[in-house]
Amino acid sequence: MTVFVSTLNQIAVLFSLIAAGFILAKLGILPENASKTLAKLENTIFLPALVMGTFIENFTLERIRSAWKILLVSLIMELIVIPVAIGLSKLLARDKYTQNIYTYGLCFANFGFMGNAVVSAMFPEIFFEYLIFTLPMWSIIYVWAVPVLLMSDTEVKPTVRSRLKAFANPMLIGMLIGMIIGLFGIPMPKFFTAVVDSASACMSPVAMILTGVTVLGINVKKTFTDWRIYTASVIRLVLIPLAFIGIAQLIPVFENKALFTSALCALAMPLGINTIVVPSAYGRDTSAAAGMAVISHVLSLVTIPVIFTLMG
């Protein structure tokens, strides 16, 4: 019960920030381009700072030795999830574009914004392992998920060069800088550490406010009466994490608590908001994506504490 209450309290804090973002945007207090501005701040300053600071503190020879196992397990898990998600999406939608939206949502939870916020708040001791665990997922997103699932049939066709260029993003750059400083123990001035810490502290609240602003434009009636959205949300929030918990008991590698917790956290998060942000940039319909984001985030207020209680 203690695990449930403490988890619920933390999730409630995050959802309060989501509600704040939604209300501020609804009342017009935030400008129309607020989501774009917040997304740029999050992706170019706050999240890279959090990643950099984590790697500066934790990227040591001892931890590097175990990183390959985390990367391999993450990659294998995602390669198993992808074909399952593709099959399920065909049952949930008929047209190819909507199928792609469901496929992306079932393949990739909100392990970035929401996952980073939850893990850094509840399990800070394994945040480094969590970042390592999500690296293969980010790679698949850049190379396949975004260009193939979310940008397909648009006027701008992704090229090999554009896919490779996507890797040169601020988060990766921050990670590389953190790796170098951490591995070689390079002393940094106090003001630099203070800047990184201050920017890192902004990551979670800004991510949650951004989520609230992003889902403002949904059709409420259509969203809350679409059974497919609820089905996808239950699969993402309940069935996938429970299946993992059951299977993990049979696989010795998951006796490593940090690896098990990282994997479960990445799987138990609600559906991500990339399915809203990317298609909207190309004028595509984002109603199904916004609906999945809203419903799954609301349901996760209960499912995440329950899943973490079972984990405990």
C-alpha atoms as a PDB file:
ATOM      1  CA  MET A   1       0.000   0.000   0.000  1.00  0.00           C
ATOM      2  CA  THR A   2       2.894   2.332   0.753  1.00  0.00           C
ATOM      3  CA  VAL A   3       4.246   1.901  -2.779  1.00  0.00           C
ATOM      4  CA  PHE A   4       0.811   2.615  -4.262  1.00  0.00           C
ATOM      5  CA  VAL A   5       0.275   5.792  -2.224  1.00  0.00           C
ATOM      6  CA  SER A   6       3.754   7.198  -2.837  1.00  0.00           C
ATOM      7  CA  THR A   7       3.489   6.455  -6.561  1.00  0.00           C
ATOM      8  CA  LEU A   8      -0.001   7.934  -6.740  1.00  0.00           C
ATOM      9  CA  ASN A   9       1.209  11.099  -5.013  1.00  0.00           C
ATOM     10  CA  GLN A  10       4.039  11.520  -7.507  1.00  0.00           C
ATOM     11  CA  ILE A  11       1.773  10.889 -10.509  1.00  0.00           C
ATOM     12  CA  ALA A  12      -0.760  13.341  -9.055  1.00  0.00           C
ATOM     13  CA  VAL A  13       1.946  16.019  -8.974  1.00  0.00           C
ATOM     14  CA  LEU A  14       2.744  15.397 -12.634  1.00  0.00           C
ATOM     15  CA  PHE A  15      -0.926  15.438 -13.606  1.00  0.00           C
ATOM     16  CA  SER A  16      -1.452  18.693 -11.754  1.00  0.00           C
ATOM     17  CA  LEU A  17       1.141  20.230 -14.074  1.00  0.00           C
ATOM     18  CA  ILE A  18      -0.585  18.671 -17.104  1.00  0.00           C
ATOM     19  CA  ALA A  19      -3.867  20.212 -15.915  1.00  0.00           C
ATOM     20  CA  ALA A  20      -2.132  23.563 -15.411  1.00  0.00           C
ATOM     21  CA  GLY A  21      -0.845  23.531 -18.981  1.00  0.00           C
ATOM     22  CA  PHE A  22      -4.279  22.618 -20.308  1.00  0.00           C
ATOM     23  CA  ILE A  23      -6.070  25.332 -18.305  1.00  0.00           C
ATOM     24  CA  LEU A  24      -3.550  28.051 -19.142  1.00  0.00           C
ATOM     25  CA  ALA A  25      -3.847  27.250 -22.854  1.00  0.00           C
ATOM     26  CA  LYS A  26      -7.646  26.978 -22.657  1.00  0.00           C
ATOM     27  CA  LEU A  27      -7.940  30.404 -21.031  1.00  0.00           C
ATOM     28  CA  GLY A  28      -5.627  31.940 -23.625  1.00  0.00           C
ATOM     29  CA  ILE A  29      -3.050  32.897 -21.026  1.00  0.00           C
ATOM     30  CA  LEU A  30      -0.448  30.992 -23.036  1.00  0.00           C
ATOM     31  CA  PRO A  31       0.026  32.075 -26.677  1.00  0.00           C
ATOM     32  CA  GLU A  32      -1.017  29.845 -29.581  1.00  0.00           C
ATOM     33  CA  ASN A  33       2.567  28.826 -30.322  1.00  0.00           C
ATOM     34  CA  ALA A  34       3.218  27.872 -26.682  1.00  0.00           C
ATOM     35  CA  SER A  35       3.519  24.148 -27.447  1.00  0.00           C
ATOM     36  CA  LYS A  36       6.172  24.776 -30.087  1.00  0.00           C
ATOM     37  CA  THR A  37       8.131  27.087 -27.767  1.00  0.00           C
ATOM     38  CA  LEU A  38       7.939  24.710 -24.802  1.00  0.00           C
ATOM     39  CA  ALA A  39       8.930  21.775 -27.008  1.00  0.00           C
ATOM     40  CA  LYS A  40      12.014  23.641 -28.214  1.00  0.00           C
ATOM     41  CA  LEU A  41      13.019  24.568 -24.660  1.00  0.00           C
ATOM     42  CA  GLU A  42      12.485  20.981 -23.529  1.00  0.00           C
ATOM     43  CA  ASN A  43      14.411  19.387 -26.385  1.00  0.00           C
ATOM     44  CA  THR A  44      17.273  21.877 -26.685  1.00  0.00           C
ATOM     45  CA  ILE A  45      17.956  22.847 -23.054  1.00  0.00           C
ATOM     46  CA  PHE A  46      16.154  21.040 -20.232  1.00  0.00           C
ATOM     47  CA  LEU A  47      16.243  17.387 -21.339  1.00  0.00           C
ATOM     48  CA  PRO A  48      19.837  17.577 -22.700  1.00  0.00           C
ATOM     49  CA  ALA A  49      20.904  19.146 -19.380  1.00  0.00           C
ATOM     50  CA  LEU A  50      19.292  16.325 -17.402  1.00  0.00           C
ATOM     51  CA  VAL A  51      20.925  13.692 -19.609  1.00  0.00           C
ATOM     52  CA  MET A  52      24.307  15.434 -19.450  1.00  0.00           C
ATOM     53  CA  GLY A  53      24.226  15.746 -15.678  1.00  0.00           C
ATOM     54  CA  THR A  54      23.236  12.098 -15.273  1.00  0.00           C
ATOM     55  CA  PHE A  55      26.095  10.874 -17.459  1.00  0.00           C
ATOM     56  CA  ILE A  56      28.628  13.198 -15.795  1.00  0.00           C
ATOM     57  CA  GLU A  57      27.744  11.636 -12.458  1.00  0.00           C
ATOM     58  CA  ASN A  58      27.312   8.009 -13.509  1.00  0.00           C
ATOM     59  CA  PHE A  59      29.373   7.277 -16.636  1.00  0.00           C
ATOM     60  CA  THR A  60      32.187   5.280 -15.046  1.00  0.00           C
ATOM     61  CA  LEU A  61      34.121   2.194 -16.196  1.00  0.00           C
ATOM     62  CA  GLU A  62      32.233   0.023 -13.724  1.00  0.00           C
ATOM     63  CA  ARG A  63      28.841   1.015 -15.124  1.00  0.00           C
ATOM     64  CA  ILE A  64      29.974   0.833 -18.750  1.00  0.00           C
ATOM     65  CA  ARG A  65      30.743  -2.885 -18.336  1.00  0.00           C
ATOM     66  CA  SER A  66      27.071  -3.642 -17.733  1.00  0.00           C
ATOM     67  CA  ALA A  67      25.687  -1.246 -20.369  1.00  0.00           C
ATOM     68  CA  TRP A  68      25.920  -3.715 -23.269  1.00  0.00           C
ATOM     69  CA  LYS A  69      23.501  -6.090 -21.529  1.00  0.00           C
ATOM     70  CA  ILE A  70      20.970  -3.303 -21.002  1.00  0.00           C
ATOM     71  CA  LEU A  71      21.199  -2.228 -24.654  1.00  0.00           C
ATOM     72  CA  LEU A  72      20.808  -5.789 -25.926  1.00  0.00           C
ATOM     73  CA  VAL A  73      17.786  -6.554 -23.759  1.00  0.00           C
ATOM     74  CA  SER A  74      16.102  -3.299 -24.780  1.00  0.00           C
ATOM     75  CA  LEU A  75      16.665  -3.977 -28.483  1.00  0.00           C
ATOM     76  CA  ILE A  76      15.336  -7.541 -28.277  1.00  0.00           C
ATOM     77  CA  MET A  77      12.244  -6.411 -26.375  1.00  0.00           C
ATOM     78  CA  GLU A  78      11.427  -3.711 -28.905  1.00  0.00           C
ATOM     79  CA  LEU A  79      11.903  -6.103 -31.849  1.00  0.00           C
ATOM     80  CA  ILE A  80       9.344  -8.386 -30.202  1.00  0.00           C
ATOM     81  CA  VAL A  81       6.878  -5.579 -29.509  1.00  0.00           C
ATOM     82  CA  ILE A  82       6.938  -4.101 -33.043  1.00  0.00           C
ATOM     83  CA  PRO A  83       5.339  -7.015 -34.977  1.00  0.00           C
ATOM     84  CA  VAL A  84       2.775  -7.475 -32.204  1.00  0.00           C
ATOM     85  CA  ALA A  85       1.874  -3.769 -32.395  1.00  0.00           C
ATOM     86  CA  ILE A  86       1.571  -3.896 -36.183  1.00  0.00           C
ATOM     87  CA  GLY A  87      -0.818  -6.847 -35.940  1.00  0.00           C
ATOM     88  CA  LEU A  88      -2.967  -5.216 -33.251  1.00  0.00           C
ATOM     89  CA  SER A  89      -3.149  -1.906 -35.136  1.00  0.00           C
ATOM     90  CA  LYS A  90      -4.743  -3.701 -38.101  1.00  0.00           C
ATOM     91  CA  LEU A  91      -7.556  -4.800 -35.788  1.00  0.00           C
ATOM     92  CA  LEU A  92      -8.057  -1.298 -34.421  1.00  0.00           C
ATOM     93  CA  ALA A  93      -8.149   0.706 -37.670  1.00  0.00           C
ATOM     94  CA  ARG A  94      -8.796   0.185 -41.372  1.00  0.00           C
ATOM     95  CA  ASP A  95      -6.968   3.034 -43.071  1.00  0.00           C
ATOM     96  CA  LYS A  96      -3.185   2.856 -43.238  1.00  0.00           C
ATOM     97  CA  TYR A  97      -2.484   6.233 -41.620  1.00  0.00           C
ATOM     98  CA  THR A  98      -4.553   5.505 -38.494  1.00  0.00           C
ATOM     99  CA  GLN A  99      -2.980   2.052 -38.313  1.00  0.00           C
ATOM    100  CA  ASN A 100       0.428   3.748 -38.271  1.00  0.00           C
ATOM    101  CA  ILE A 101      -0.686   5.979 -35.388  1.00  0.00           C
ATOM    102  CA  TYR A 102      -1.808   2.974 -33.354  1.00  0.00           C
ATOM    103  CA  THR A 103       1.355   1.063 -34.256  1.00  0.00           C
ATOM    104  CA  TYR A 104       3.570   3.895 -33.023  1.00  0.00           C
ATOM    105  CA  GLY A 105       1.555   4.286 -29.822  1.00  0.00           C
ATOM    106  CA  LEU A 106       1.715   0.578 -29.010  1.00  0.00           C
ATOM    107  CA  CYS A 107       5.417   0.307 -29.885  1.00  0.00           C
ATOM    108  CA  PHE A 108       6.590   3.368 -27.966  1.00  0.00           C
ATOM    109  CA  ALA A 109       5.114   4.623 -24.728  1.00  0.00           C
ATOM    110  CA  ASN A 110       5.869   8.113 -23.468  1.00  0.00           C
ATOM    111  CA  PHE A 111       9.192   6.863 -22.086  1.00  0.00           C
ATOM    112  CA  GLY A 112      10.766  10.240 -22.894  1.00  0.00           C
ATOM    113  CA  PHE A 113       8.895  13.132 -21.276  1.00  0.00           C
ATOM    114  CA  MET A 114       6.685  11.125 -18.900  1.00  0.00           C
ATOM    115  CA  GLY A 115       9.148   8.299 -18.339  1.00  0.00           C
ATOM    116  CA  ASN A 116      12.058  10.606 -17.548  1.00  0.00           C
ATOM    117  CA  ALA A 117       9.871  12.572 -15.146  1.00  0.00           C
ATOM    118  CA  VAL A 118       8.595   9.491 -13.315  1.00  0.00           C
ATOM    119  CA  VAL A 119      11.933   7.683 -13.109  1.00  0.00           C
ATOM    120  CA  SER A 120      13.963  10.738 -12.093  1.00  0.00           C
ATOM    121  CA  ALA A 121      11.444  11.438  -9.320  1.00  0.00           C
ATOM    122  CA  MET A 122      10.748   7.904  -8.070  1.00  0.00           C
ATOM    123  CA  PHE A 123      13.846   5.889  -8.989  1.00  0.00           C
ATOM    124  CA  PRO A 124      16.724   8.402  -9.279  1.00  0.00           C
ATOM    125  CA  GLU A 125      19.245   5.682  -8.382  1.00  0.00           C
ATOM    126  CA  ILE A 126      18.562   3.843 -11.679  1.00  0.00           C
ATOM    127  CA  PHE A 127      18.027   6.866 -13.946  1.00  0.00           C
ATOM    128  CA  PHE A 128      21.360   6.258 -15.674  1.00  0.00           C
ATOM    129  CA  GLU A 129      20.384   2.656 -16.488  1.00  0.00           C
ATOM    130  CA  TYR A 130      17.000   3.900 -17.679  1.00  0.00           C
ATOM    131  CA  LEU A 131      18.617   6.316 -20.131  1.00  0.00           C
ATOM    132  CA  ILE A 132      20.829   3.514 -21.458  1.00  0.00           C
ATOM    133  CA  PHE A 133      17.788   1.241 -21.771  1.00  0.00           C
ATOM    134  CA  THR A 134      15.893   3.769 -23.896  1.00  0.00           C
ATOM    135  CA  LEU A 135      18.741   4.382 -26.370  1.00  0.00           C
ATOM    136  CA  PRO A 136      17.731   1.541 -28.751  1.00  0.00           C
ATOM    137  CA  MET A 137      14.156   2.837 -28.656  1.00  0.00           C
ATOM    138  CA  TRP A 138      15.258   6.332 -29.644  1.00  0.00           C
ATOM    139  CA  SER A 139      17.342   4.841 -32.466  1.00  0.00           C
ATOM    140  CA  ILE A 140      14.366   2.901 -33.853  1.00  0.00           C
ATOM    141  CA  ILE A 141      12.182   6.003 -33.560  1.00  0.00           C
ATOM    142  CA  TYR A 142      14.650   8.131 -35.551  1.00  0.00           C
ATOM    143  CA  VAL A 143      15.382   5.519 -38.223  1.00  0.00           C
ATOM    144  CA  TRP A 144      11.973   3.880 -38.678  1.00  0.00           C
ATOM    145  CA  ALA A 145       9.043   5.035 -36.544  1.00  0.00           C
ATOM    146  CA  VAL A 146       8.928   8.770 -37.270  1.00  0.00           C
ATOM    147  CA  PRO A 147       9.912   8.740 -40.968  1.00  0.00           C
ATOM    148  CA  VAL A 148       7.944   5.601 -41.903  1.00  0.00           C
ATOM    149  CA  LEU A 149       4.928   5.670 -39.578  1.00  0.00           C
ATOM    150  CA  LEU A 150       4.347   9.354 -38.871  1.00  0.00           C
ATOM    151  CA  MET A 151       5.724  11.060 -41.994  1.00  0.00           C
ATOM    152  CA  SER A 152       4.567   8.593 -44.633  1.00  0.00           C
ATOM    153  CA  ASP A 153       2.579   9.921 -47.589  1.00  0.00           C
ATOM    154  CA  THR A 154       3.683  13.484 -46.905  1.00  0.00           C
ATOM    155  CA  GLU A 155       5.219  15.790 -49.458  1.00  0.00           C
ATOM    156  CA  VAL A 156       8.551  15.650 -47.643  1.00  0.00           C
ATOM    157  CA  LYS A 157      10.007  12.186 -48.116  1.00  0.00           C
ATOM    158  CA  PRO A 158      12.633  11.157 -45.558  1.00  0.00           C
ATOM    159  CA  THR A 159      16.048  10.306 -46.959  1.00  0.00           C
ATOM    160  CA  VAL A 160      18.867   8.245 -45.490  1.00  0.00           C
ATOM    161  CA  ARG A 161      20.764  11.468 -44.871  1.00  0.00           C
ATOM    162  CA  SER A 162      17.832  13.062 -43.032  1.00  0.00           C
ATOM    163  CA  ARG A 163      17.416   9.958 -40.888  1.00  0.00           C
ATOM    164  CA  LEU A 164      21.089   9.982 -39.936  1.00  0.00           C
ATOM    165  CA  LYS A 165      20.943  13.724 -39.312  1.00  0.00           C
ATOM    166  CA  ALA A 166      18.189  13.132 -36.763  1.00  0.00           C
ATOM    167  CA  PHE A 167      20.759  11.518 -34.495  1.00  0.00           C
ATOM    168  CA  ALA A 168      22.666  14.799 -34.211  1.00  0.00           C
ATOM    169  CA  ASN A 169      20.131  16.120 -31.730  1.00  0.00           C
ATOM    170  CA  PRO A 170      20.726  18.105 -28.513  1.00  0.00           C
ATOM    171  CA  MET A 171      19.962  15.133 -26.256  1.00  0.00           C
ATOM    172  CA  LEU A 172      22.610  12.980 -27.931  1.00  0.00           C
ATOM    173  CA  ILE A 173      25.109  15.846 -27.879  1.00  0.00           C
ATOM    174  CA  GLY A 174      24.446  16.379 -24.171  1.00  0.00           C
ATOM    175  CA  MET A 175      24.915  12.670 -23.591  1.00  0.00           C
ATOM    176  CA  LEU A 176      28.262  12.620 -25.427  1.00  0.00           C
ATOM    177  CA  ILE A 177      29.523  15.632 -23.461  1.00  0.00           C
ATOM    178  CA  GLY A 178      28.431  13.980 -20.217  1.00  0.00           C
ATOM    179  CA  MET A 179      30.171  10.739 -21.239  1.00  0.00           C
ATOM    180  CA  ILE A 180      33.477  12.507 -21.844  1.00  0.00           C
ATOM    181  CA  ILE A 181      33.369  14.553 -18.629  1.00  0.00           C
ATOM    182  CA  GLY A 182      32.231  11.582 -16.524  1.00  0.00           C
ATOM    183  CA  LEU A 183      34.592   8.989 -17.972  1.00  0.00           C
ATOM    184  CA  PHE A 184      37.726  11.127 -17.672  1.00  0.00           C
ATOM    185  CA  GLY A 185      36.684  12.852 -14.445  1.00  0.00           C
ATOM    186  CA  ILE A 186      37.171  16.309 -15.946  1.00  0.00           C
ATOM    187  CA  PRO A 187      36.684  18.928 -13.179  1.00  0.00           C
ATOM    188  CA  MET A 188      34.040  21.498 -14.071  1.00  0.00           C
ATOM    189  CA  PRO A 189      33.561  24.979 -12.571  1.00  0.00           C
ATOM    190  CA  LYS A 190      30.810  25.345  -9.980  1.00  0.00           C
ATOM    191  CA  PHE A 191      28.744  27.692 -12.136  1.00  0.00           C
ATOM    192  CA  PHE A 192      28.623  25.036 -14.904  1.00  0.00           C
ATOM    193  CA  THR A 193      27.324  22.415 -12.478  1.00  0.00           C
ATOM    194  CA  ALA A 194      24.788  24.893 -11.118  1.00  0.00           C
ATOM    195  CA  VAL A 195      23.515  25.695 -14.624  1.00  0.00           C
ATOM    196  CA  VAL A 196      23.155  22.002 -15.507  1.00  0.00           C
ATOM    197  CA  ASP A 197      21.345  21.260 -12.236  1.00  0.00           C
ATOM    198  CA  SER A 198      18.980  24.221 -12.628  1.00  0.00           C
ATOM    199  CA  ALA A 199      18.109  23.346 -16.217  1.00  0.00           C
ATOM    200  CA  SER A 200      17.659  19.678 -15.271  1.00  0.00           C
ATOM    201  CA  ALA A 201      15.141  20.622 -12.593  1.00  0.00           C
ATOM    202  CA  CYS A 202      12.952  22.248 -15.267  1.00  0.00           C
ATOM    203  CA  MET A 203      12.641  19.093 -17.380  1.00  0.00           C
ATOM    204  CA  SER A 204       9.756  17.351 -15.608  1.00  0.00           C
ATOM    205  CA  PRO A 205       7.443  20.340 -14.988  1.00  0.00           C
ATOM    206  CA  VAL A 206       7.906  21.746 -18.497  1.00  0.00           C
ATOM    207  CA  ALA A 207       7.304  18.306 -20.038  1.00  0.00           C
ATOM    208  CA  MET A 208       4.024  17.932 -18.170  1.00  0.00           C
ATOM    209  CA  ILE A 209       2.856  21.463 -18.982  1.00  0.00           C
ATOM    210  CA  LEU A 210       3.703  20.793 -22.633  1.00  0.00           C
ATOM    211  CA  THR A 211       1.573  17.646 -22.548  1.00  0.00           C
ATOM    212  CA  GLY A 212      -1.398  19.617 -21.239  1.00  0.00           C
ATOM    213  CA  VAL A 213      -1.014  22.303 -23.904  1.00  0.00           C
ATOM    214  CA  THR A 214      -0.571  19.765 -26.721  1.00  0.00           C
ATOM    215  CA  VAL A 215      -3.819  17.877 -26.130  1.00  0.00           C
ATOM    216  CA  LEU A 216      -5.961  21.020 -25.898  1.00  0.00           C
ATOM    217  CA  GLY A 217      -7.466  20.792 -29.374  1.00  0.00           C
ATOM    218  CA  ILE A 218      -9.096  17.371 -29.143  1.00  0.00           C
ATOM    219  CA  ASN A 219     -12.734  16.596 -29.894  1.00  0.00           C
ATOM    220  CA  VAL A 220     -13.873  15.608 -26.397  1.00  0.00           C
ATOM    221  CA  LYS A 221     -17.050  13.764 -27.429  1.00  0.00           C
ATOM    222  CA  LYS A 222     -15.353  11.816 -30.196  1.00  0.00           C
ATOM    223  CA  THR A 223     -12.387  10.971 -27.989  1.00  0.00           C
ATOM    224  CA  PHE A 224     -14.266   9.688 -24.958  1.00  0.00           C
ATOM    225  CA  THR A 225     -16.678   7.544 -27.002  1.00  0.00           C
ATOM    226  CA  ASP A 226     -14.149   5.775 -29.254  1.00  0.00           C
ATOM    227  CA  TRP A 227     -13.705   2.187 -28.004  1.00  0.00           C
ATOM    228  CA  ARG A 228     -10.543   1.756 -30.074  1.00  0.00           C
ATOM    229  CA  ILE A 229      -8.771   4.460 -28.073  1.00  0.00           C
ATOM    230  CA  TYR A 230      -9.663   2.744 -24.806  1.00  0.00           C
ATOM    231  CA  THR A 231      -8.545  -0.611 -26.210  1.00  0.00           C
ATOM    232  CA  ALA A 232      -5.169   0.751 -27.302  1.00  0.00           C
ATOM    233  CA  SER A 233      -4.736   2.492 -23.940  1.00  0.00           C
ATOM    234  CA  VAL A 234      -5.512  -0.679 -21.957  1.00  0.00           C
ATOM    235  CA  ILE A 235      -3.092  -2.686 -24.094  1.00  0.00           C
ATOM    236  CA  ARG A 236      -0.378  -0.075 -23.621  1.00  0.00           C
ATOM    237  CA  LEU A 237      -0.921   0.572 -19.896  1.00  0.00           C
ATOM    238  CA  VAL A 238      -2.032  -2.808 -18.567  1.00  0.00           C
ATOM    239  CA  LEU A 239      -1.552  -5.807 -20.840  1.00  0.00           C
ATOM    240  CA  ILE A 240       1.994  -5.056 -22.032  1.00  0.00           C
ATOM    241  CA  PRO A 241       3.401  -4.279 -18.543  1.00  0.00           C
ATOM    242  CA  LEU A 242       1.638  -7.279 -16.971  1.00  0.00           C
ATOM    243  CA  ALA A 243       2.880  -9.577 -19.725  1.00  0.00           C
ATOM    244  CA  PHE A 244       6.399  -8.286 -19.119  1.00  0.00           C
ATOM    245  CA  ILE A 245       6.170  -8.817 -15.341  1.00  0.00           C
ATOM    246  CA  GLY A 246       5.055 -12.408 -15.902  1.00  0.00           C
ATOM    247  CA  ILE A 247       7.672 -13.229 -18.535  1.00  0.00           C
ATOM    248  CA  ALA A 248      10.467 -11.478 -16.622  1.00  0.00           C
ATOM    249  CA  GLN A 249      10.028 -13.924 -13.738  1.00  0.00           C
ATOM    250  CA  LEU A 250      11.215 -16.690 -16.069  1.00  0.00           C
ATOM    251  CA  ILE A 251      14.273 -14.898 -17.468  1.00  0.00           C
ATOM    252  CA  PRO A 252      17.355 -14.742 -15.194  1.00  0.00           C
ATOM    253  CA  VAL A 253      18.681 -11.501 -16.696  1.00  0.00           C
ATOM    254  CA  PHE A 254      15.790  -9.583 -15.098  1.00  0.00           C
ATOM    255  CA  GLU A 255      16.996 -10.555 -11.636  1.00  0.00           C
ATOM    256  CA  ASN A 256      18.985  -7.335 -12.086  1.00  0.00           C
ATOM    257  CA  LYS A 257      16.650  -4.890 -10.330  1.00  0.00           C
ATOM    258  CA  ALA A 258      17.856  -1.817 -12.237  1.00  0.00           C
ATOM    259  CA  LEU A 259      17.291  -3.543 -15.590  1.00  0.00           C
ATOM    260  CA  PHE A 260      13.875  -4.862 -14.570  1.00  0.00           C
ATOM    261  CA  THR A 261      12.735  -1.486 -13.223  1.00  0.00           C
ATOM    262  CA  SER A 262      14.023   0.384 -16.290  1.00  0.00           C
ATOM    263  CA  ALA A 263      12.194  -1.966 -18.641  1.00  0.00           C
ATOM    264  CA  LEU A 264       8.937  -1.832 -16.703  1.00  0.00           C
ATOM    265  CA  CYS A 265       9.030   1.959 -16.457  1.00  0.00           C
ATOM    266  CA  ALA A 266       9.574   2.266 -20.219  1.00  0.00           C
ATOM    267  CA  LEU A 267       6.664  -0.107 -20.902  1.00  0.00           C
ATOM    268  CA  ALA A 268       4.173   1.207 -18.332  1.00  0.00           C
ATOM    269  CA  MET A 269       4.039   4.830 -19.451  1.00  0.00           C
ATOM    270  CA  PRO A 270       1.031   6.232 -21.400  1.00  0.00           C
ATOM    271  CA  LEU A 271       1.016   6.674 -25.160  1.00  0.00           C
ATOM    272  CA  GLY A 272       3.455   9.318 -26.373  1.00  0.00           C
ATOM    273  CA  ILE A 273       2.728  12.711 -27.915  1.00  0.00           C
ATOM    274  CA  ASN A 274       5.020  12.350 -30.943  1.00  0.00           C
ATOM    275  CA  THR A 275       1.950  11.033 -32.758  1.00  0.00           C
ATOM    276  CA  ILE A 276       0.479  14.524 -32.290  1.00  0.00           C
ATOM    277  CA  VAL A 277       3.506  16.758 -32.729  1.00  0.00           C
ATOM    278  CA  VAL A 278       4.980  15.218 -35.917  1.00  0.00           C
ATOM    279  CA  PRO A 279       1.804  14.711 -38.035  1.00  0.00           C
ATOM    280  CA  SER A 280       0.458  18.150 -37.062  1.00  0.00           C
ATOM    281  CA  ALA A 281       3.550  19.716 -38.617  1.00  0.00           C
ATOM    282  CA  TYR A 282       2.423  18.227 -41.956  1.00  0.00           C
ATOM    283  CA  GLY A 283      -1.251  19.119 -41.618  1.00  0.00           C
ATOM    284  CA  ARG A 284      -2.388  15.557 -40.883  1.00  0.00           C
ATOM    285  CA  ASP A 285      -5.384  14.557 -38.772  1.00  0.00           C
ATOM    286  CA  THR A 286      -4.283  14.140 -35.141  1.00  0.00           C
ATOM    287  CA  SER A 287      -7.662  13.440 -33.523  1.00  0.00           C
ATOM    288  CA  ALA A 288      -6.977   9.737 -32.907  1.00  0.00           C
ATOM    289  CA  ALA A 289      -3.478  10.481 -31.638  1.00  0.00           C
ATOM    290  CA  ALA A 290      -4.666  13.254 -29.307  1.00  0.00           C
ATOM    291  CA  GLY A 291      -7.447  11.005 -28.055  1.00  0.00           C
ATOM    292  CA  MET A 292      -4.986   8.221 -27.229  1.00  0.00           C
ATOM    293  CA  ALA A 293      -2.709  10.685 -25.466  1.00  0.00           C
ATOM    294  CA  VAL A 294      -5.514  12.121 -23.322  1.00  0.00           C
ATOM    295  CA  ILE A 295      -7.203   8.834 -22.405  1.00  0.00           C
ATOM    296  CA  SER A 296      -3.978   6.959 -21.719  1.00  0.00           C
ATOM    297  CA  HIS A 297      -2.545   9.776 -19.579  1.00  0.00           C
ATOM    298  CA  VAL A 298      -5.762   9.963 -17.540  1.00  0.00           C
ATOM    299  CA  LEU A 299      -5.887   6.186 -17.069  1.00  0.00           C
ATOM    300  CA  SER A 300      -2.194   6.073 -16.152  1.00  0.00           C
ATOM    301  CA  LEU A 301      -3.018   8.055 -13.017  1.00  0.00           C
ATOM    302  CA  VAL A 302      -4.326   4.717 -11.706  1.00  0.00           C
ATOM    303  CA  THR A 303      -2.454   2.118 -13.761  1.00  0.00           C
ATOM    304  CA  ILE A 304       1.096   3.332 -13.030  1.00  0.00           C
ATOM    305  CA  PRO A 305       0.684   3.153  -9.220  1.00  0.00           C
ATOM    306  CA  VAL A 306      -0.946  -0.282  -9.577  1.00  0.00           C
ATOM    307  CA  ILE A 307       1.812  -1.611 -11.853  1.00  0.00           C
ATOM    308  CA  PHE A 308       4.573  -0.271  -9.586  1.00  0.00           C
ATOM    309  CA  THR A 309       2.818  -1.808  -6.578  1.00  0.00           C
ATOM    310  CA  LEU A 310       2.860  -5.188  -8.325  1.00  0.00           C
ATOM    311  CA  MET A 311       6.521  -4.611  -9.141  1.00  0.00           C
ATOM    312  CA  GLY A 312       7.252  -3.889  -5.489  1.00  0.00           C
END
